[in-house]
Amino acid sequence: MGFGKFIIKTLLPDVRAVELIKDIADHGIVDGIKENRRREIQEDNPFTASVYKAGKLDGKKEGYVTASAEYEKKLFELADRFLTQKNLFEQQRDEYKKLLDEYEKEIKRLEQKQKRTEDENTYLQLLLQKERALKKIAE
C-alpha cells in the first residue's frame, strides 16, 4: 500500500474507477463511496498510510490483550465448573459406597440368621439382586 499504490493510482486513473465500482457493488452507493474514500485517505496515501498502519497494529495488540483476558476468564470458569463436578462426583461416589456397605451388612445379618421366614428369604433375594445391580454400575 502507501507510496506504490499512490503512484499507480496517479498514473492509471482507471484503477480508481475500478476500485470505486467494486466498493459500490459490495457496499451500496453511499457506503461504497465512503469506503473508497476512507481507503484512499488512510491506506493509499503515502503520508497517512504509516500512521494508519501503526494504529491498526495497536488495535490488533489491544484486541489480542482483550481476547487473552476473555480466554483466561473462560478457562478459570471451566476449571471451577470441573472442580464443582468433581466434588459432586466424589460426594455421590461416597454415598454409593455407603449404600453398598448397608446392603452388605443387611445381607450378612440375614445370611447369619439360622431360621429365616419366607418374607426374610424373599427380602434377602431382593437385596442380593439389588446389590449385584449396584455393583454392575461401578464396572
Protein backbone atom coordinates (compact mmCIF):
# COMPACT_ATOMS: atom_id res chain seq x y z
CA MET A 1 0.00 0.00 0.00
CA GLY A 2 1.24 3.52 0.61
CA PHE A 3 3.61 5.07 -1.91
CA GLY A 4 3.47 2.32 -4.59
CA LYS A 5 -0.30 2.30 -4.76
CA PHE A 6 -0.34 6.11 -4.75
CA ILE A 7 1.88 6.20 -7.86
CA ILE A 8 -0.20 3.52 -9.64
CA LYS A 9 -3.42 5.41 -8.93
CA THR A 10 -1.84 8.67 -10.07
CA LEU A 11 -0.51 7.22 -13.33
CA LEU A 12 -3.51 4.98 -14.08
CA PRO A 13 -6.75 6.79 -13.17
CA ASP A 14 -8.83 3.82 -14.33
CA VAL A 15 -7.64 1.89 -11.26
CA ARG A 16 -9.56 4.30 -9.04
CA ALA A 17 -12.70 3.89 -11.11
CA VAL A 18 -12.48 0.10 -10.97
CA GLU A 19 -11.99 0.13 -7.18
CA LEU A 20 -14.88 2.57 -6.76
CA ILE A 21 -17.18 0.35 -8.82
CA LYS A 22 -16.15 -2.71 -6.75
CA ASP A 23 -16.81 -0.85 -3.49
CA ILE A 24 -20.22 0.32 -4.71
CA ALA A 25 -21.10 -3.23 -5.76
CA ASP A 26 -20.00 -4.61 -2.37
CA HIS A 27 -21.37 -1.93 -0.03
CA GLY A 28 -24.02 0.02 -1.93
CA ILE A 29 -23.71 3.52 -3.37
CA VAL A 30 -23.23 5.70 -0.29
CA ASP A 31 -21.27 3.16 1.78
CA GLY A 32 -19.21 2.17 -1.27
CA ILE A 33 -18.14 5.76 -1.87
CA LYS A 34 -17.37 6.21 1.84
CA GLU A 35 -15.31 3.01 1.89
CA ASN A 36 -13.40 4.05 -1.24
CA ARG A 37 -12.57 7.50 0.18
CA ARG A 38 -11.61 6.04 3.55
CA ARG A 39 -9.20 3.61 1.92
CA GLU A 40 -7.69 6.34 -0.28
CA ILE A 41 -7.09 8.60 2.70
CA GLN A 42 -5.99 6.01 5.25
CA GLU A 43 -4.26 3.27 3.29
CA ASP A 44 -3.30 4.57 -0.15
CA ASN A 45 -1.93 8.00 0.74
CA PRO A 46 1.83 7.74 1.41
CA PHE A 47 1.65 10.41 4.12
CA THR A 48 -1.10 8.84 6.20
CA ALA A 49 -0.52 5.14 5.45
CA SER A 50 2.21 4.73 8.08
CA VAL A 51 0.04 6.35 10.76
CA TYR A 52 -2.89 4.17 9.73
CA LYS A 53 -0.74 1.00 9.85
CA ALA A 54 0.62 1.92 13.29
CA GLY A 55 -2.90 2.48 14.60
CA LYS A 56 -4.07 -0.76 13.03
CA LEU A 57 -1.19 -2.62 14.72
CA ASP A 58 -2.06 -1.04 18.07
CA GLY A 59 -5.67 -2.09 17.58
CA LYS A 60 -4.59 -5.65 16.89
CA LYS A 61 -2.47 -5.66 20.05
CA GLU A 62 -5.37 -4.34 22.12
CA GLY A 63 -7.66 -6.92 20.58
CA TYR A 64 -5.19 -9.65 21.41
CA VAL A 65 -4.95 -8.49 25.02
CA THR A 66 -8.74 -8.38 25.30
CA ALA A 67 -9.13 -11.82 23.73
CA SER A 68 -6.45 -13.22 26.04
CA ALA A 69 -8.23 -11.84 29.10
CA GLU A 70 -11.54 -13.35 27.95
CA TYR A 71 -9.84 -16.68 27.30
CA GLU A 72 -8.30 -16.67 30.79
CA LYS A 73 -11.68 -15.88 32.32
CA LYS A 74 -13.36 -18.73 30.41
CA LEU A 75 -10.53 -21.07 31.30
CA PHE A 76 -10.92 -20.31 35.02
CA GLU A 77 -14.70 -20.69 34.80
CA LEU A 78 -14.25 -24.05 33.11
CA ALA A 79 -11.81 -25.16 35.81
CA ASP A 80 -14.24 -24.07 38.55
CA ARG A 81 -17.08 -25.94 36.86
CA PHE A 82 -14.89 -29.03 36.57
CA LEU A 83 -13.92 -28.86 40.25
CA THR A 84 -17.56 -28.49 41.23
CA GLN A 85 -18.45 -31.55 39.17
CA LYS A 86 -15.51 -33.43 40.69
CA ASN A 87 -16.75 -32.61 44.20
CA LEU A 88 -20.27 -33.69 43.27
CA PHE A 89 -18.92 -36.93 41.80
CA GLU A 90 -16.90 -37.65 44.94
CA GLN A 91 -19.95 -36.97 47.08
CA GLN A 92 -22.12 -39.31 45.01
CA ARG A 93 -19.37 -41.97 44.99
CA ASP A 94 -19.22 -41.83 48.79
CA GLU A 95 -23.00 -42.18 49.02
CA TYR A 96 -22.82 -45.14 46.62
CA LYS A 97 -20.18 -46.85 48.79
CA LYS A 98 -22.25 -46.25 51.91
CA LEU A 99 -25.28 -47.75 50.22
CA LEU A 100 -23.31 -50.84 49.20
CA ASP A 101 -21.98 -51.19 52.75
CA GLU A 102 -25.51 -51.04 54.13
CA TYR A 103 -26.63 -53.69 51.65
CA GLU A 104 -23.71 -55.95 52.61
CA LYS A 105 -24.42 -55.54 56.34
CA GLU A 106 -28.10 -56.37 55.87
CA ILE A 107 -27.27 -59.35 53.66
CA LYS A 108 -24.76 -60.69 56.21
CA ARG A 109 -27.25 -60.20 59.01
CA LEU A 110 -29.89 -62.18 57.14
CA GLU A 111 -27.47 -64.89 55.96
CA GLN A 112 -26.21 -65.48 59.52
CA LYS A 113 -29.70 -65.90 60.81
CA GLN A 114 -30.37 -69.61 61.33
CA LYS A 115 -34.12 -69.60 60.93
CA ARG A 116 -35.50 -67.21 58.34
CA THR A 117 -39.09 -66.69 57.50
CA GLU A 118 -40.37 -66.79 53.92
CA ASP A 119 -40.58 -62.98 53.88
CA GLU A 120 -36.97 -62.74 55.08
CA ASN A 121 -35.84 -65.11 52.32
CA THR A 122 -37.66 -63.05 49.70
CA TYR A 123 -36.18 -59.88 51.17
CA LEU A 124 -32.68 -61.44 51.10
CA GLN A 125 -33.10 -62.41 47.43
CA LEU A 126 -34.19 -58.86 46.58
CA LEU A 127 -31.22 -57.44 48.47
CA LEU A 128 -28.83 -59.72 46.60
CA GLN A 129 -30.33 -58.74 43.24
CA LYS A 130 -30.12 -55.04 44.03
CA GLU A 131 -26.57 -55.39 45.32
CA ARG A 132 -25.47 -57.13 42.10
CA ALA A 133 -27.15 -54.41 40.01
CA LEU A 134 -25.44 -51.70 42.05
CA LYS A 135 -22.06 -53.37 41.70
CA LYS A 136 -22.51 -53.58 37.91
CA ILE A 137 -22.83 -49.79 37.83
CA ALA A 138 -19.28 -49.47 39.14
CA GLU A 139 -17.83 -51.77 36.46
